[in-house]
Protein backbone atom coordinates (compact mmCIF):
# COMPACT_ATOMS: atom_id res chain seq x y z
CA UNK A 1 9.67 8.10 -27.66
CA UNK A 2 11.15 6.59 -24.51
CA UNK A 3 10.48 2.91 -23.75
CA UNK A 4 8.05 2.45 -20.88
CA UNK A 5 9.02 -0.12 -18.26
CA UNK A 6 5.93 -2.18 -17.61
CA UNK A 7 5.07 -5.61 -16.25
CA UNK A 8 3.41 -7.66 -18.97
CA UNK A 9 3.72 -11.34 -18.08
CA UNK A 10 1.14 -13.04 -15.88
CA UNK A 11 3.85 -14.77 -13.81
CA UNK A 12 5.44 -11.38 -13.01
CA UNK A 13 2.07 -10.06 -11.82
CA UNK A 14 1.55 -13.21 -9.72
CA UNK A 15 5.02 -12.88 -8.16
CA UNK A 16 4.22 -9.32 -7.05
CA UNK A 17 0.77 -10.33 -5.74
CA UNK A 18 2.14 -13.28 -3.76
CA UNK A 19 5.38 -11.88 -2.34
CA UNK A 20 4.85 -8.12 -2.52
CA UNK A 21 3.50 -5.85 0.19
CA UNK A 22 0.16 -4.13 -0.38
CA UNK A 23 -1.56 -0.96 0.74
CA UNK A 24 -4.86 0.43 -0.44
CA UNK A 25 -6.97 3.56 -0.42
CA UNK A 26 -10.45 4.33 -1.76
CA UNK A 27 -9.38 4.39 -5.42
CA UNK A 28 -6.33 2.14 -5.81
CA UNK A 29 -4.54 -0.90 -4.38
CA UNK A 30 -0.75 -0.95 -4.76
CA UNK A 31 1.51 -4.00 -4.47
CA UNK A 32 5.27 -3.42 -4.28
CA UNK A 33 8.08 -5.96 -4.51
CA UNK A 34 11.82 -5.31 -4.49
CA UNK A 35 13.76 -6.77 -7.43
CA UNK A 36 17.35 -7.00 -8.65
CA UNK A 37 16.55 -4.93 -11.75
CA UNK A 38 18.08 -1.46 -12.09
CA UNK A 39 14.76 0.10 -13.15
CA UNK A 40 11.30 0.28 -11.62
CA UNK A 41 8.50 -1.43 -13.56
CA UNK A 42 4.77 -0.84 -13.23
CA UNK A 43 1.83 -3.09 -14.01
CA UNK A 44 -1.72 -1.77 -14.06
CA UNK A 45 -4.77 -3.97 -13.58
CA UNK A 46 -8.28 -2.70 -14.29
CA UNK A 47 -11.14 -5.20 -14.00
CA UNK A 48 -14.13 -5.28 -16.33
CA UNK A 49 -16.23 -4.44 -13.25
CA UNK A 50 -14.77 -0.92 -13.37
CA UNK A 51 -16.27 -0.13 -16.78
CA UNK A 52 -16.07 -0.63 -20.51
CA UNK A 53 -12.77 -0.66 -22.42
CA UNK A 54 -12.78 3.11 -22.98
CA UNK A 55 -13.03 3.79 -19.24
CA UNK A 56 -10.48 1.08 -18.38
CA UNK A 57 -7.91 2.39 -20.86
CA UNK A 58 -8.51 5.97 -19.72
CA UNK A 59 -7.76 4.99 -16.10
CA UNK A 60 -4.70 3.04 -17.23
CA UNK A 61 -3.38 6.10 -19.05
CA UNK A 62 -3.96 8.30 -15.98
CA UNK A 63 -2.02 5.95 -13.71
CA UNK A 64 0.77 5.50 -16.27
CA UNK A 65 1.08 9.29 -16.57
CA UNK A 66 1.24 9.64 -12.76
CA UNK A 67 4.00 7.03 -12.70
CA UNK A 68 5.89 8.72 -15.56
CA UNK A 69 5.77 12.21 -14.04
CA UNK A 70 6.87 11.02 -10.60
CA UNK A 71 9.29 8.29 -11.71
CA UNK A 72 12.31 10.29 -10.51
CA UNK A 73 10.77 10.55 -7.00
CA UNK A 74 10.23 6.80 -6.63
CA UNK A 75 13.02 4.42 -5.62
CA UNK A 76 14.51 2.17 -8.30
CA UNK A 77 14.59 -1.63 -8.43
CA UNK A 78 10.91 -2.19 -7.71
CA UNK A 79 8.00 -3.97 -9.35
CA UNK A 80 4.78 -2.06 -8.70
CA UNK A 81 1.31 -3.38 -9.51
CA UNK A 82 -1.59 -0.93 -9.26
CA UNK A 83 -5.12 -2.36 -9.12
CA UNK A 84 -7.86 0.16 -9.90
CA UNK A 85 -11.02 0.08 -7.79
CA UNK A 86 -14.50 0.83 -9.12
CA UNK A 87 -14.70 4.20 -7.34
CA UNK A 88 -11.86 5.53 -9.53
CA UNK A 89 -13.96 5.70 -12.70
CA UNK A 90 -15.70 8.87 -11.50
CA UNK A 91 -12.46 10.66 -10.64
CA UNK A 92 -10.24 13.10 -12.54
CA UNK A 93 -6.46 13.03 -13.08
CA UNK A 94 -5.54 15.09 -10.01
CA UNK A 95 -7.47 12.77 -7.69
CA UNK A 96 -5.93 9.63 -9.25
CA UNK A 97 -2.45 11.18 -9.05
CA UNK A 98 -3.04 12.10 -5.40
CA UNK A 99 -4.17 8.53 -4.60
CA UNK A 100 -1.09 7.12 -6.39
CA UNK A 101 1.28 9.40 -4.45
CA UNK A 102 -0.52 8.60 -1.18
CA UNK A 103 0.13 4.88 -1.72
CA UNK A 104 3.76 5.55 -2.66
CA UNK A 105 4.08 7.36 0.68
CA UNK A 106 2.49 4.47 2.59
CA UNK A 107 4.91 2.03 0.94
CA UNK A 108 7.76 4.39 1.83
CA UNK A 109 9.17 4.22 -1.72
CA UNK A 110 9.55 7.97 -2.25
CA UNK A 111 13.20 9.02 -2.20
CA UNK A 112 14.11 11.06 0.84
CA UNK A 113 15.80 13.93 -1.04
CA UNK A 114 12.77 14.50 -3.28
CA UNK A 115 10.45 15.39 -0.39
């Protein structure tokens, strides 16, 4: 199984929150910060307000899968933090994936040749 590049440390999350650029839609908020790393890392934040642990982990898996499937479309050398909003708990995978890609488009981090 391939190693998944994720943001785990609190200080890395804080760095993205404080110096990254953010866009939001109805379901997700996305913060993006350029880094010197060769790979793109993702951090996913789901508050307890969204639901119990089963719901929170389900939403985390949906976003991680969206990131994994579209990783080749997204530019490299970024730290991305996705914050899940309460409205997302009622949605299915396709809607979450669409919201994720919409925010990638707003951040202009989709590679030009993959469009």
